[in-house]
Protein backbone atom coordinates (compact mmCIF):
# COMPACT_ATOMS: atom_id res chain seq x y z
CA MET A 1 17.50 -7.60 2.32
CA ALA A 2 18.85 -4.09 2.74
CA CYS A 3 15.53 -2.46 3.54
CA PRO A 4 12.35 -4.11 4.90
CA THR A 5 9.28 -3.31 2.81
CA ASP A 6 7.57 -1.58 5.73
CA SER A 7 10.60 0.59 6.51
CA PRO A 8 10.87 4.32 5.78
CA CYS A 9 14.27 3.68 4.18
CA LEU A 10 12.48 2.05 1.25
CA HIS A 11 11.69 5.53 0.01
CA THR A 12 15.16 7.00 0.56
CA ASP A 13 17.42 4.37 -1.02
CA ILE A 14 18.42 4.80 -4.64
CA SER A 15 19.70 2.05 -6.90
CA ALA A 16 23.05 2.36 -8.63
CA ASP A 17 21.21 2.67 -11.96
CA ASP A 18 18.89 5.40 -10.70
CA PHE A 19 21.90 7.26 -9.30
CA LEU A 20 23.59 6.99 -12.71
CA TYR A 21 20.51 8.34 -14.50
CA ALA A 22 20.24 11.23 -12.03
CA ARG A 23 23.93 12.05 -12.59
CA CYS A 24 23.07 12.27 -16.30
CA VAL A 25 20.68 15.11 -15.39
CA VAL A 26 23.59 16.95 -13.78
CA VAL A 27 25.81 16.46 -16.84
CA ALA A 28 23.05 17.48 -19.27
CA ASN A 29 22.58 20.74 -17.38
CA GLY A 30 26.14 21.83 -18.12
CA ARG A 31 29.41 22.55 -16.41
CA GLU A 32 28.07 25.40 -14.26
CA PHE A 33 25.36 23.20 -12.74
CA TYR A 34 27.84 20.34 -12.32
CA GLU A 35 30.17 22.66 -10.39
CA GLU A 36 27.24 23.90 -8.26
CA VAL A 37 26.32 20.31 -7.33
CA LEU A 38 29.95 19.57 -6.44
CA THR A 39 29.99 22.60 -4.17
CA ASP A 40 26.51 22.03 -2.74
CA PRO A 41 25.34 18.38 -2.97
CA SER A 42 21.86 19.43 -1.81
CA ARG A 43 21.43 20.77 -5.37
CA PHE A 44 21.64 17.19 -6.70
CA PRO A 45 18.40 16.62 -8.64
CA THR A 46 15.75 14.33 -7.20
CA GLY A 47 12.86 12.76 -9.04
CA MET A 48 14.53 13.27 -12.43
CA GLU A 49 16.50 11.03 -14.76
CA PHE A 50 18.11 11.30 -18.18
CA GLU A 51 19.10 7.73 -19.06
CA SER A 52 18.84 8.49 -22.77
CA LEU A 53 21.95 10.68 -22.47
CA LEU A 54 23.96 7.45 -22.15
CA HIS A 55 22.88 6.41 -25.65
CA LEU A 56 23.12 9.81 -27.34
CA ALA A 57 26.50 9.30 -29.04
CA GLY A 58 25.58 5.86 -30.38
CA ASN A 59 22.22 7.10 -31.64
CA ALA A 60 23.84 10.12 -33.33
CA TYR A 61 26.44 7.86 -34.98
CA GLU A 62 23.73 5.56 -36.27
CA ALA A 63 21.65 8.49 -37.57
CA LEU A 64 24.68 9.94 -39.36
CA THR A 65 26.17 6.76 -40.82
CA GLY A 66 23.29 4.30 -40.94
CA ALA A 67 25.53 1.81 -39.13
CA GLN A 68 25.35 0.68 -35.54
CA HIS A 69 28.03 2.03 -33.22
CA ASN A 70 29.77 -1.06 -31.86
CA GLN A 71 33.01 0.51 -30.65
CA PRO A 72 33.62 -0.51 -27.03
CA THR A 73 35.16 2.03 -24.70
CA SER A 74 37.81 1.56 -22.06
CA VAL A 75 35.68 3.43 -19.52
CA SER A 76 32.49 2.07 -17.97
CA TRP A 77 29.64 4.42 -17.13
CA GLU A 78 28.25 2.02 -14.53
CA SER A 79 28.09 3.34 -10.97
CA PHE A 80 30.95 2.13 -8.78
CA SER A 81 32.79 0.42 -11.69
CA ASN A 82 35.85 2.58 -10.94
CA ALA A 83 36.40 1.44 -7.35
CA GLU A 84 39.36 3.74 -6.78
CA GLY A 85 37.43 6.80 -7.99
CA TRP A 86 34.46 5.94 -5.78
CA ARG A 87 36.40 5.32 -2.57
CA PRO A 88 35.05 7.41 0.29
CA SER A 89 37.14 10.42 1.25
CA GLN A 90 37.57 11.79 4.76
CA SER A 91 34.55 14.01 4.18
CA THR A 92 32.29 11.18 2.96
CA ALA A 93 29.48 10.46 5.38
CA ARG A 94 29.54 6.82 6.43
CA GLY A 95 26.19 5.09 6.37
CA ARG A 96 24.12 2.22 5.13
CA HIS A 97 25.22 2.78 1.50
CA THR A 98 28.76 1.69 2.35
CA GLY A 99 27.86 -1.30 4.52
CA SER A 100 27.29 -4.98 3.88
CA GLY A 101 23.50 -4.56 4.22
CA MET A 102 23.42 -2.88 0.80
CA PRO A 103 23.29 -5.20 -2.26
CA PRO A 104 26.78 -5.44 -3.83
CA MET A 105 25.90 -3.59 -7.05
CA ASN A 106 24.47 -0.70 -5.01
CA ARG A 107 27.26 -0.59 -2.45
CA ARG A 108 29.90 2.09 -2.58
CA PRO A 109 33.43 0.59 -2.39
CA ALA A 110 34.95 0.69 1.09
C-alpha cells in the first residue's frame, strides 16, 4: 500500500486518471493557460476535472454522422503511457510518485 489510510498523504496523492482529467482542464482553458502552467506549475488546477473532453471528438462524430467513432489512434491519452515523454528531467523533484511504493499505474517512469 502506497499510503496508509490514517496518513496525511492520503489527501495529497492523485491517481493517474485524476491527473489526466485535471490536465484536461488545462487543455480546455486554452494555449495561454497551458503555457502559464508550464511556466508556473503552481497554477495547475486542483479540485477540478474535465474527463468529458476525452470523449468530445467521438461524441461530435457520432452526433454529426449517426455512427459510432471506432477509429483507433496511434497515441494513448493515458497518463505515463509514453514512458520516454514522462521520464523525469534534471529539474523534476524526486519523491514518492517515482518510487516503488506507488502503484505501477500511478508511478512515473524512472
